[in-house]
N, C-alpha and C. Protein backbone atom coordinates (compact mmCIF):
# COMPACT_ATOMS: atom_id res chain seq x y z
N MET A 1 100.87 177.72 119.25
CA MET A 1 99.67 178.38 119.74
C MET A 1 98.44 177.77 119.09
N ILE A 2 97.38 177.65 119.88
CA ILE A 2 96.13 177.11 119.37
C ILE A 2 95.03 178.15 119.57
N LYS A 3 94.38 178.50 118.48
CA LYS A 3 93.24 179.40 118.51
C LYS A 3 91.98 178.58 118.22
N THR A 4 90.97 178.76 119.04
CA THR A 4 89.73 178.02 118.88
C THR A 4 88.61 178.90 118.35
N PHE A 5 87.91 178.39 117.33
CA PHE A 5 86.69 179.01 116.85
C PHE A 5 85.56 178.00 117.02
N TYR A 6 84.37 178.49 117.43
CA TYR A 6 83.19 177.64 117.49
C TYR A 6 82.28 178.03 116.33
N TYR A 7 82.07 177.06 115.42
CA TYR A 7 81.38 177.37 114.18
C TYR A 7 80.09 176.59 114.01
N ASN A 8 79.19 177.16 113.24
CA ASN A 8 77.89 176.63 112.84
C ASN A 8 77.01 176.34 114.06
N ASP A 9 75.77 175.97 113.80
CA ASP A 9 74.81 175.77 114.88
C ASP A 9 75.15 174.58 115.77
N LEU A 10 76.02 173.71 115.29
CA LEU A 10 76.43 172.55 116.08
C LEU A 10 77.66 172.86 116.94
N ARG A 11 78.12 174.10 116.86
CA ARG A 11 79.24 174.58 117.68
C ARG A 11 80.47 173.68 117.52
N THR A 12 80.80 173.42 116.28
CA THR A 12 81.98 172.61 115.97
C THR A 12 83.25 173.41 116.24
N CYS A 13 84.22 172.78 116.87
CA CYS A 13 85.49 173.43 117.16
C CYS A 13 86.40 173.38 115.93
N CYS A 14 86.83 174.55 115.49
CA CYS A 14 87.85 174.68 114.47
C CYS A 14 89.09 175.24 115.17
N TYR A 15 90.23 174.61 114.93
CA TYR A 15 91.46 175.04 115.59
C TYR A 15 92.46 175.55 114.56
N ILE A 16 93.11 176.64 114.89
CA ILE A 16 94.24 177.14 114.11
C ILE A 16 95.49 176.89 114.94
N ILE A 17 96.37 176.03 114.44
CA ILE A 17 97.63 175.73 115.13
C ILE A 17 98.74 176.50 114.43
N SER A 18 99.47 177.30 115.17
CA SER A 18 100.57 178.08 114.59
C SER A 18 101.77 178.05 115.51
N ASP A 19 102.92 178.43 114.97
CA ASP A 19 104.13 178.52 115.78
C ASP A 19 104.93 179.75 115.36
N ASP A 20 106.15 179.87 115.89
CA ASP A 20 106.92 181.10 115.64
C ASP A 20 107.43 181.21 114.21
N SER A 21 107.19 180.20 113.38
CA SER A 21 107.53 180.31 111.96
C SER A 21 106.45 181.08 111.20
N SER A 22 105.31 181.29 111.82
CA SER A 22 104.11 181.91 111.23
C SER A 22 103.34 180.98 110.31
N GLU A 23 103.84 179.75 110.12
CA GLU A 23 103.04 178.78 109.38
C GLU A 23 101.95 178.21 110.29
N CYS A 24 100.87 177.78 109.68
CA CYS A 24 99.78 177.25 110.49
C CYS A 24 99.03 176.15 109.76
N ALA A 25 98.29 175.38 110.54
CA ALA A 25 97.37 174.37 110.02
C ALA A 25 95.98 174.71 110.52
N ILE A 26 94.98 174.44 109.70
CA ILE A 26 93.59 174.70 110.05
C ILE A 26 92.90 173.36 110.24
N VAL A 27 92.43 173.11 111.45
CA VAL A 27 91.84 171.82 111.78
C VAL A 27 90.32 171.91 111.79
N ASP A 28 89.68 171.04 111.02
CA ASP A 28 88.22 170.93 110.98
C ASP A 28 87.52 172.27 110.73
N PRO A 29 87.69 172.82 109.54
CA PRO A 29 87.05 174.10 109.23
C PRO A 29 85.54 173.96 109.01
N GLY A 30 84.80 174.10 110.10
CA GLY A 30 83.34 173.97 110.02
C GLY A 30 82.65 175.30 109.80
N CYS A 31 83.40 176.32 109.40
CA CYS A 31 82.80 177.65 109.19
C CYS A 31 81.75 177.57 108.09
N TYR A 32 80.55 178.05 108.41
CA TYR A 32 79.41 177.93 107.50
C TYR A 32 78.92 179.29 107.02
N LYS A 33 78.63 180.18 107.94
CA LYS A 33 78.16 181.51 107.58
C LYS A 33 79.32 182.37 107.06
N GLU A 34 78.96 183.37 106.28
CA GLU A 34 79.99 184.27 105.77
C GLU A 34 80.71 184.98 106.90
N SER A 35 79.97 185.31 107.95
CA SER A 35 80.60 185.98 109.10
C SER A 35 81.63 185.07 109.77
N GLU A 36 81.37 183.77 109.77
CA GLU A 36 82.32 182.82 110.35
C GLU A 36 83.58 182.73 109.50
N LYS A 37 83.40 182.71 108.20
CA LYS A 37 84.56 182.67 107.31
C LYS A 37 85.39 183.95 107.46
N THR A 38 84.70 185.07 107.61
CA THR A 38 85.40 186.35 107.77
C THR A 38 86.22 186.36 109.05
N ARG A 39 85.68 185.82 110.13
CA ARG A 39 86.42 185.75 111.39
C ARG A 39 87.70 184.95 111.21
N LEU A 40 87.61 183.85 110.48
CA LEU A 40 88.78 183.01 110.25
C LEU A 40 89.84 183.76 109.45
N VAL A 41 89.42 184.38 108.36
CA VAL A 41 90.36 185.12 107.51
C VAL A 41 90.98 186.27 108.28
N ASN A 42 90.18 187.00 109.04
CA ASN A 42 90.70 188.14 109.79
C ASN A 42 91.75 187.71 110.81
N TYR A 43 91.51 186.59 111.46
CA TYR A 43 92.49 186.11 112.44
C TYR A 43 93.82 185.75 111.76
N ILE A 44 93.72 185.03 110.66
CA ILE A 44 94.93 184.61 109.96
C ILE A 44 95.69 185.81 109.39
N GLU A 45 94.97 186.72 108.78
CA GLU A 45 95.64 187.87 108.18
C GLU A 45 96.17 188.85 109.22
N SER A 46 95.45 189.07 110.29
CA SER A 46 95.90 190.02 111.31
C SER A 46 97.12 189.50 112.06
N ASN A 47 97.31 188.18 112.05
CA ASN A 47 98.48 187.59 112.70
C ASN A 47 99.57 187.19 111.71
N SER A 48 99.36 187.59 110.44
CA SER A 48 100.34 187.32 109.38
C SER A 48 100.71 185.84 109.30
N LEU A 49 99.70 184.99 109.43
CA LEU A 49 99.92 183.56 109.37
C LEU A 49 99.89 183.05 107.93
N LYS A 50 100.55 181.92 107.73
CA LYS A 50 100.62 181.30 106.40
C LYS A 50 100.05 179.88 106.48
N PRO A 51 98.78 179.71 106.12
CA PRO A 51 98.19 178.37 106.15
C PRO A 51 98.89 177.42 105.19
N LYS A 52 99.19 176.21 105.70
CA LYS A 52 99.89 175.22 104.89
C LYS A 52 99.05 173.98 104.60
N MET A 53 98.01 173.74 105.42
CA MET A 53 97.23 172.52 105.26
C MET A 53 95.94 172.59 106.06
N ILE A 54 94.98 171.78 105.62
CA ILE A 54 93.78 171.50 106.39
C ILE A 54 93.94 170.12 107.00
N LEU A 55 93.68 170.00 108.29
CA LEU A 55 93.71 168.71 108.95
C LEU A 55 92.29 168.35 109.36
N GLN A 56 91.82 167.21 108.86
CA GLN A 56 90.47 166.76 109.20
C GLN A 56 90.55 165.58 110.15
N THR A 57 89.94 165.74 111.34
CA THR A 57 89.88 164.62 112.26
C THR A 57 88.96 163.53 111.74
N HIS A 58 87.95 163.94 110.97
CA HIS A 58 87.03 163.00 110.33
C HIS A 58 86.19 163.77 109.32
N GLY A 59 85.28 163.07 108.64
CA GLY A 59 84.61 163.68 107.50
C GLY A 59 83.17 164.09 107.69
N HIS A 60 82.69 164.15 108.92
CA HIS A 60 81.29 164.56 109.14
C HIS A 60 81.05 165.99 108.67
N PHE A 61 79.83 166.24 108.21
CA PHE A 61 79.53 167.50 107.52
C PHE A 61 79.80 168.73 108.37
N ASP A 62 79.55 168.65 109.68
CA ASP A 62 79.72 169.84 110.51
C ASP A 62 81.19 170.22 110.70
N HIS A 63 82.09 169.31 110.36
CA HIS A 63 83.53 169.57 110.48
C HIS A 63 84.16 169.98 109.15
N VAL A 64 83.39 169.93 108.07
CA VAL A 64 83.97 170.19 106.74
C VAL A 64 83.22 171.25 105.94
N MET A 65 82.26 171.92 106.56
CA MET A 65 81.44 172.86 105.78
C MET A 65 82.24 174.01 105.20
N GLY A 66 83.37 174.35 105.81
CA GLY A 66 84.22 175.40 105.27
C GLY A 66 85.46 174.87 104.56
N ASN A 67 85.51 173.56 104.34
CA ASN A 67 86.70 172.96 103.76
C ASN A 67 87.03 173.54 102.38
N ARG A 68 86.04 173.58 101.50
CA ARG A 68 86.29 174.09 100.15
C ARG A 68 86.71 175.56 100.19
N PHE A 69 86.07 176.35 101.02
CA PHE A 69 86.42 177.76 101.14
C PHE A 69 87.89 177.91 101.55
N VAL A 70 88.29 177.20 102.58
CA VAL A 70 89.67 177.30 103.08
C VAL A 70 90.66 176.77 102.06
N ALA A 71 90.34 175.63 101.45
CA ALA A 71 91.24 175.03 100.47
C ALA A 71 91.47 175.96 99.29
N ASP A 72 90.40 176.60 98.81
CA ASP A 72 90.53 177.51 97.66
C ASP A 72 91.16 178.84 98.05
N LYS A 73 90.85 179.33 99.24
CA LYS A 73 91.36 180.62 99.69
C LYS A 73 92.88 180.62 99.76
N TRP A 74 93.45 179.54 100.28
CA TRP A 74 94.90 179.50 100.46
C TRP A 74 95.61 178.43 99.63
N SER A 75 94.87 177.79 98.75
CA SER A 75 95.44 176.77 97.85
C SER A 75 96.22 175.72 98.64
N ILE A 76 95.55 175.12 99.60
CA ILE A 76 96.20 174.13 100.46
C ILE A 76 95.45 172.80 100.41
N PRO A 77 96.18 171.69 100.65
CA PRO A 77 95.56 170.37 100.61
C PRO A 77 94.89 170.00 101.92
N THR A 78 94.07 168.97 101.86
CA THR A 78 93.40 168.41 103.03
C THR A 78 94.05 167.09 103.40
N TYR A 79 94.38 166.94 104.67
CA TYR A 79 94.92 165.68 105.19
C TYR A 79 93.79 164.93 105.89
N LEU A 80 93.52 163.71 105.42
CA LEU A 80 92.38 162.93 105.90
C LEU A 80 92.70 161.45 105.76
N ASN A 81 92.30 160.65 106.74
CA ASN A 81 92.46 159.21 106.61
C ASN A 81 91.51 158.66 105.55
N SER A 82 92.00 157.76 104.72
CA SER A 82 91.21 157.26 103.59
C SER A 82 89.95 156.53 104.03
N GLY A 83 89.90 156.10 105.29
CA GLY A 83 88.68 155.46 105.79
C GLY A 83 87.48 156.38 105.81
N ASP A 84 87.74 157.70 105.73
CA ASP A 84 86.65 158.67 105.72
C ASP A 84 86.47 159.36 104.38
N LEU A 85 87.05 158.82 103.33
CA LEU A 85 86.86 159.42 102.01
C LEU A 85 85.40 159.42 101.61
N ALA A 86 84.73 158.28 101.78
CA ALA A 86 83.31 158.21 101.43
C ALA A 86 82.50 159.17 102.30
N GLN A 87 82.91 159.28 103.55
CA GLN A 87 82.20 160.16 104.48
C GLN A 87 82.27 161.62 104.04
N ILE A 88 83.46 162.06 103.70
CA ILE A 88 83.61 163.47 103.32
C ILE A 88 82.95 163.74 101.97
N ARG A 89 82.94 162.76 101.09
CA ARG A 89 82.36 162.95 99.77
C ARG A 89 80.83 163.01 99.80
N ARG A 90 80.23 162.43 100.84
CA ARG A 90 78.77 162.54 100.95
C ARG A 90 78.35 163.53 102.03
N SER A 91 79.31 164.32 102.51
CA SER A 91 78.99 165.28 103.57
C SER A 91 77.98 166.32 103.12
N GLY A 92 78.02 166.70 101.85
CA GLY A 92 77.07 167.68 101.34
C GLY A 92 75.65 167.18 101.41
N SER A 93 75.44 165.93 101.02
CA SER A 93 74.09 165.37 101.06
C SER A 93 73.62 165.19 102.49
N TYR A 94 74.52 164.78 103.39
CA TYR A 94 74.14 164.65 104.79
C TYR A 94 73.78 166.01 105.38
N GLY A 95 74.60 167.01 105.07
CA GLY A 95 74.32 168.35 105.57
C GLY A 95 72.98 168.86 105.09
N GLY A 96 72.62 168.48 103.86
CA GLY A 96 71.34 168.90 103.30
C GLY A 96 70.15 168.40 104.10
N TYR A 97 70.28 167.22 104.71
CA TYR A 97 69.20 166.69 105.54
C TYR A 97 68.89 167.61 106.71
N PHE A 98 69.90 168.38 107.13
CA PHE A 98 69.75 169.26 108.29
C PHE A 98 69.63 170.73 107.89
N GLY A 99 69.42 170.95 106.59
CA GLY A 99 69.20 172.30 106.11
C GLY A 99 70.45 173.09 105.79
N TYR A 100 71.60 172.43 105.75
CA TYR A 100 72.85 173.12 105.42
C TYR A 100 73.21 172.90 103.95
N GLU A 101 73.49 173.96 103.26
CA GLU A 101 73.96 173.86 101.88
C GLU A 101 75.34 174.52 101.81
N PHE A 102 76.31 173.76 101.35
CA PHE A 102 77.68 174.28 101.27
C PHE A 102 78.42 173.61 100.12
N ASP A 103 79.50 174.24 99.70
CA ASP A 103 80.29 173.71 98.59
C ASP A 103 80.90 172.37 98.98
N GLU A 104 80.95 171.45 98.03
CA GLU A 104 81.56 170.16 98.28
C GLU A 104 83.01 170.34 98.71
N PRO A 105 83.48 169.57 99.70
CA PRO A 105 84.87 169.69 100.13
C PRO A 105 85.85 169.46 98.99
N SER A 106 87.02 170.01 99.13
CA SER A 106 88.06 169.87 98.12
C SER A 106 88.42 168.40 97.89
N ASP A 107 88.74 168.06 96.65
CA ASP A 107 89.18 166.70 96.36
C ASP A 107 90.71 166.59 96.36
N ARG A 108 91.38 167.64 96.77
CA ARG A 108 92.84 167.61 96.91
C ARG A 108 93.17 167.07 98.29
N ILE A 109 93.15 165.73 98.40
CA ILE A 109 93.25 165.06 99.68
C ILE A 109 94.52 164.22 99.75
N ILE A 110 95.21 164.34 100.87
CA ILE A 110 96.40 163.54 101.16
C ILE A 110 96.03 162.54 102.25
N ASP A 111 96.23 161.26 101.97
CA ASP A 111 95.89 160.21 102.92
C ASP A 111 96.87 160.20 104.08
N ILE A 112 96.34 160.10 105.30
CA ILE A 112 97.18 159.95 106.48
C ILE A 112 96.76 158.71 107.23
N LYS A 113 97.72 158.07 107.88
CA LYS A 113 97.43 156.84 108.59
C LYS A 113 98.14 156.84 109.94
N ASP A 114 97.80 155.87 110.75
CA ASP A 114 98.33 155.77 112.09
C ASP A 114 99.86 155.80 112.10
N GLY A 115 100.43 156.67 112.91
CA GLY A 115 101.88 156.77 113.04
C GLY A 115 102.53 157.79 112.14
N ASP A 116 101.80 158.31 111.17
CA ASP A 116 102.37 159.35 110.30
C ASP A 116 102.70 160.60 111.11
N ILE A 117 103.67 161.37 110.63
CA ILE A 117 104.02 162.65 111.22
C ILE A 117 103.67 163.74 110.21
N VAL A 118 102.84 164.69 110.65
CA VAL A 118 102.47 165.83 109.82
C VAL A 118 103.31 167.03 110.29
N ARG A 119 103.97 167.70 109.35
CA ARG A 119 104.88 168.78 109.70
C ARG A 119 104.51 170.07 108.98
N PHE A 120 104.61 171.16 109.71
CA PHE A 120 104.56 172.50 109.12
C PHE A 120 105.34 173.42 110.05
N GLY A 121 106.03 174.38 109.50
CA GLY A 121 106.85 175.26 110.32
C GLY A 121 107.74 174.46 111.25
N ASN A 122 107.68 174.76 112.54
CA ASN A 122 108.46 174.04 113.55
C ASN A 122 107.61 173.04 114.34
N THR A 123 106.47 172.70 113.78
CA THR A 123 105.51 171.85 114.48
C THR A 123 105.46 170.46 113.89
N GLU A 124 105.40 169.46 114.75
CA GLU A 124 105.21 168.07 114.35
C GLU A 124 104.00 167.51 115.08
N LEU A 125 103.09 166.92 114.33
CA LEU A 125 101.90 166.29 114.89
C LEU A 125 101.90 164.82 114.49
N LYS A 126 101.75 163.96 115.46
CA LYS A 126 101.66 162.53 115.16
C LYS A 126 100.21 162.14 114.93
N VAL A 127 99.97 161.42 113.88
CA VAL A 127 98.63 160.93 113.56
C VAL A 127 98.37 159.64 114.33
N LEU A 128 97.27 159.62 115.08
CA LEU A 128 96.86 158.43 115.81
C LEU A 128 95.48 158.02 115.31
N ALA A 129 95.40 156.87 114.68
CA ALA A 129 94.10 156.40 114.17
C ALA A 129 93.16 156.17 115.35
N SER A 130 91.94 156.67 115.24
CA SER A 130 90.95 156.51 116.33
C SER A 130 89.57 156.23 115.76
N PRO A 131 89.43 155.13 115.03
CA PRO A 131 88.12 154.80 114.47
C PRO A 131 87.11 154.49 115.57
N GLY A 132 85.84 154.58 115.20
CA GLY A 132 84.77 154.28 116.14
C GLY A 132 83.64 155.27 116.00
N HIS A 133 83.96 156.56 116.04
CA HIS A 133 82.95 157.57 115.73
C HIS A 133 82.70 157.54 114.23
N THR A 134 83.77 157.46 113.46
CA THR A 134 83.72 157.17 112.03
C THR A 134 84.81 156.14 111.74
N ALA A 135 84.79 155.59 110.54
CA ALA A 135 85.76 154.55 110.20
C ALA A 135 87.18 155.11 110.09
N GLY A 136 87.31 156.38 109.68
CA GLY A 136 88.63 156.95 109.44
C GLY A 136 89.00 158.07 110.38
N GLY A 137 88.42 158.11 111.56
CA GLY A 137 88.75 159.17 112.51
C GLY A 137 90.20 159.10 112.96
N VAL A 138 90.81 160.26 113.17
CA VAL A 138 92.18 160.32 113.66
C VAL A 138 92.31 161.40 114.74
N LEU A 139 93.38 161.27 115.52
CA LEU A 139 93.80 162.29 116.47
C LEU A 139 95.08 162.92 115.94
N PHE A 140 95.32 164.17 116.33
CA PHE A 140 96.58 164.84 116.01
C PHE A 140 97.27 165.17 117.33
N TYR A 141 98.40 164.50 117.59
CA TYR A 141 99.07 164.56 118.89
C TYR A 141 100.39 165.30 118.79
N ASN A 142 100.54 166.32 119.64
CA ASN A 142 101.79 167.05 119.74
C ASN A 142 102.45 166.68 121.05
N GLU A 143 103.41 165.77 120.98
CA GLU A 143 104.06 165.27 122.19
C GLU A 143 104.86 166.36 122.89
N LYS A 144 105.53 167.19 122.12
CA LYS A 144 106.36 168.25 122.69
C LYS A 144 105.53 169.27 123.46
N GLU A 145 104.41 169.68 122.88
CA GLU A 145 103.57 170.70 123.51
C GLU A 145 102.48 170.11 124.40
N LYS A 146 102.41 168.79 124.45
CA LYS A 146 101.50 168.07 125.35
C LYS A 146 100.02 168.39 125.10
N TYR A 147 99.61 168.22 123.85
CA TYR A 147 98.19 168.35 123.56
C TYR A 147 97.80 167.38 122.45
N VAL A 148 96.52 167.08 122.37
CA VAL A 148 95.99 166.21 121.33
C VAL A 148 94.65 166.77 120.88
N ILE A 149 94.46 166.81 119.57
CA ILE A 149 93.19 167.24 118.99
C ILE A 149 92.42 165.99 118.60
N THR A 150 91.25 165.82 119.19
CA THR A 150 90.59 164.52 119.13
C THR A 150 89.35 164.45 118.25
N GLY A 151 88.93 165.56 117.66
CA GLY A 151 87.68 165.49 116.91
C GLY A 151 86.56 165.02 117.82
N ASP A 152 85.73 164.10 117.33
CA ASP A 152 84.58 163.63 118.11
C ASP A 152 84.83 162.27 118.77
N THR A 153 86.09 161.91 118.95
CA THR A 153 86.40 160.67 119.65
C THR A 153 86.05 160.78 121.13
N ILE A 154 86.41 161.91 121.74
CA ILE A 154 86.14 162.12 123.16
C ILE A 154 85.84 163.59 123.39
N PHE A 155 84.98 163.86 124.36
CA PHE A 155 84.66 165.22 124.78
C PHE A 155 84.86 165.31 126.29
N LYS A 156 84.78 166.51 126.82
CA LYS A 156 84.85 166.66 128.26
C LYS A 156 83.63 166.00 128.88
N GLY A 157 83.86 164.91 129.59
CA GLY A 157 82.77 164.20 130.24
C GLY A 157 81.94 163.30 129.37
N SER A 158 82.35 163.09 128.12
CA SER A 158 81.55 162.27 127.22
C SER A 158 82.43 161.67 126.14
N ILE A 159 81.82 160.90 125.25
CA ILE A 159 82.53 160.29 124.12
C ILE A 159 81.69 160.48 122.86
N GLY A 160 82.29 160.20 121.72
CA GLY A 160 81.59 160.36 120.46
C GLY A 160 80.46 159.36 120.27
N ARG A 161 79.46 159.77 119.53
CA ARG A 161 78.35 158.88 119.23
C ARG A 161 78.78 157.84 118.20
N THR A 162 78.11 156.71 118.21
CA THR A 162 78.48 155.62 117.30
C THR A 162 77.29 155.10 116.50
N ASP A 163 76.19 155.85 116.48
CA ASP A 163 74.98 155.39 115.81
C ASP A 163 74.83 155.96 114.40
N LEU A 164 75.88 156.61 113.90
CA LEU A 164 75.86 157.13 112.54
C LEU A 164 76.65 156.20 111.62
N PRO A 165 76.46 156.30 110.29
CA PRO A 165 77.20 155.42 109.38
C PRO A 165 78.70 155.47 109.64
N GLY A 166 79.32 154.29 109.74
CA GLY A 166 80.75 154.20 110.01
C GLY A 166 81.08 154.12 111.48
N GLY A 167 80.07 154.30 112.34
CA GLY A 167 80.32 154.26 113.77
C GLY A 167 80.23 152.84 114.33
N ASP A 168 81.02 152.60 115.39
CA ASP A 168 80.99 151.29 116.05
C ASP A 168 81.46 151.47 117.49
N TYR A 169 80.62 151.11 118.44
CA TYR A 169 80.91 151.37 119.85
C TYR A 169 82.16 150.65 120.33
N GLU A 170 82.27 149.38 120.06
CA GLU A 170 83.43 148.62 120.56
C GLU A 170 84.73 149.15 119.95
N THR A 171 84.66 149.53 118.69
CA THR A 171 85.84 150.09 118.05
C THR A 171 86.23 151.41 118.69
N LEU A 172 85.23 152.24 119.00
CA LEU A 172 85.52 153.51 119.66
C LEU A 172 86.14 153.29 121.03
N MET A 173 85.61 152.36 121.80
CA MET A 173 86.17 152.09 123.12
C MET A 173 87.61 151.60 123.04
N GLU A 174 87.91 150.82 122.02
CA GLU A 174 89.29 150.36 121.83
C GLU A 174 90.20 151.54 121.49
N SER A 175 89.71 152.47 120.68
CA SER A 175 90.49 153.66 120.36
C SER A 175 90.74 154.49 121.61
N LEU A 176 89.74 154.63 122.44
CA LEU A 176 89.90 155.39 123.68
C LEU A 176 90.91 154.72 124.61
N ARG A 177 90.82 153.40 124.73
CA ARG A 177 91.73 152.67 125.62
C ARG A 177 93.17 152.73 125.14
N THR A 178 93.36 152.58 123.83
CA THR A 178 94.73 152.41 123.31
C THR A 178 95.36 153.68 122.78
N LYS A 179 94.57 154.69 122.45
CA LYS A 179 95.13 155.90 121.84
C LYS A 179 94.99 157.14 122.71
N VAL A 180 93.89 157.27 123.42
CA VAL A 180 93.68 158.47 124.24
C VAL A 180 94.18 158.26 125.66
N LEU A 181 93.74 157.22 126.32
CA LEU A 181 94.05 157.02 127.73
C LEU A 181 95.48 156.58 127.97
N THR A 182 96.20 156.22 126.94
CA THR A 182 97.62 155.88 127.09
C THR A 182 98.53 157.10 126.99
N LEU A 183 97.98 158.25 126.64
CA LEU A 183 98.77 159.47 126.59
C LEU A 183 99.07 159.95 128.01
N PRO A 184 100.13 160.73 128.19
CA PRO A 184 100.44 161.24 129.53
C PRO A 184 99.26 161.98 130.14
N ASP A 185 99.11 161.87 131.46
CA ASP A 185 97.95 162.45 132.15
C ASP A 185 97.81 163.95 131.93
N ASP A 186 98.94 164.65 131.74
CA ASP A 186 98.86 166.10 131.60
C ASP A 186 98.65 166.55 130.15
N THR A 187 98.34 165.62 129.27
CA THR A 187 98.05 165.97 127.88
C THR A 187 96.70 166.68 127.79
N VAL A 188 96.70 167.87 127.21
CA VAL A 188 95.46 168.63 127.04
C VAL A 188 94.69 168.08 125.85
N ILE A 189 93.41 167.87 126.02
CA ILE A 189 92.53 167.36 124.97
C ILE A 189 91.72 168.53 124.39
N TYR A 190 91.86 168.72 123.08
CA TYR A 190 91.04 169.70 122.37
C TYR A 190 90.02 168.92 121.54
N PRO A 191 88.76 168.89 121.98
CA PRO A 191 87.75 168.05 121.32
C PRO A 191 87.08 168.74 120.15
N GLY A 192 86.23 167.98 119.46
CA GLY A 192 85.52 168.51 118.31
C GLY A 192 84.35 169.39 118.65
N HIS A 193 83.90 169.33 119.90
CA HIS A 193 82.82 170.18 120.41
C HIS A 193 83.10 170.42 121.89
N GLY A 194 82.76 171.58 122.38
CA GLY A 194 82.89 171.84 123.80
C GLY A 194 84.25 172.34 124.22
N LEU A 195 84.47 172.32 125.53
CA LEU A 195 85.67 172.90 126.13
C LEU A 195 86.82 171.90 126.20
N PRO A 196 88.05 172.41 126.25
CA PRO A 196 89.21 171.52 126.43
C PRO A 196 89.14 170.81 127.78
N THR A 197 89.86 169.71 127.87
CA THR A 197 89.99 168.95 129.11
C THR A 197 91.39 168.36 129.11
N ASP A 198 91.64 167.36 129.93
CA ASP A 198 92.93 166.67 129.87
C ASP A 198 92.74 165.20 130.19
N VAL A 199 93.76 164.42 129.92
CA VAL A 199 93.65 162.97 130.05
C VAL A 199 93.37 162.57 131.49
N ALA A 200 94.06 163.18 132.46
CA ALA A 200 93.85 162.82 133.87
C ALA A 200 92.42 163.08 134.30
N PHE A 201 91.86 164.21 133.90
CA PHE A 201 90.49 164.56 134.29
C PHE A 201 89.51 163.55 133.72
N GLU A 202 89.70 163.15 132.47
CA GLU A 202 88.78 162.20 131.86
C GLU A 202 88.91 160.81 132.49
N LYS A 203 90.12 160.43 132.84
CA LYS A 203 90.32 159.14 133.51
C LYS A 203 89.55 159.08 134.83
N SER A 204 89.50 160.19 135.54
CA SER A 204 88.92 160.21 136.88
C SER A 204 87.45 160.56 136.93
N THR A 205 86.92 161.18 135.86
CA THR A 205 85.55 161.69 135.93
C THR A 205 84.63 161.25 134.80
N ASN A 206 85.17 160.86 133.65
CA ASN A 206 84.31 160.58 132.50
C ASN A 206 83.49 159.32 132.75
N PRO A 207 82.16 159.43 132.81
CA PRO A 207 81.33 158.27 133.16
C PRO A 207 81.33 157.17 132.10
N PHE A 208 81.80 157.45 130.91
CA PHE A 208 81.83 156.46 129.86
C PHE A 208 83.11 155.63 129.86
N LEU A 209 84.07 156.01 130.69
CA LEU A 209 85.36 155.33 130.72
C LEU A 209 85.47 154.56 132.03
N ASP A 210 85.24 153.29 131.95
CA ASP A 210 85.20 152.44 133.16
C ASP A 210 86.61 151.97 133.50
N ILE A 211 87.41 152.91 134.01
CA ILE A 211 88.80 152.56 134.31
C ILE A 211 89.16 152.85 135.77
N ARG A 212 88.17 153.30 136.56
CA ARG A 212 88.48 153.67 137.94
C ARG A 212 88.41 152.45 138.85
């Protein structure tokens, strides 16, 4: 099961992935306000879930503002590609430019790379490296359940920006061609902002993907 929360003024998607074991993973905890953190805790506690890990698609500040809170609340590690270590470590200073002040993300980080399998409960997620929006961006792909969590690599009808530090347009397009568009057409895409979509819809309608 996937529960979606939209957090902070940038409407960052935070996902709670759980299964019948009651274990769960928290993806991109961008919860900033106390009310947002409370919503997260209430959902987890009311469903008797057991958080096992934080999964970060990348290290931009809007995706990690609640990282320290979640890590300390449940004493769980963060899974992040090492290409975004510098990004997550300077997320506090970047957030400050936009008026956000939050605790520095946890330094209890486990490096993940392309092809790794992340496991909790009865769930397996394959890590797919997708640099371009940032140097260390990744996707989390569940082949069995036919979904992929993409962070800011792709959105419904759009793609991630590449004009921020660590971004590169050609690299992002290569990630889209080789990692996103090669997934089965019925794979549901859960992006870092906005509504879910699927691979077939993006192939046929996304104006940034010249594959028609």
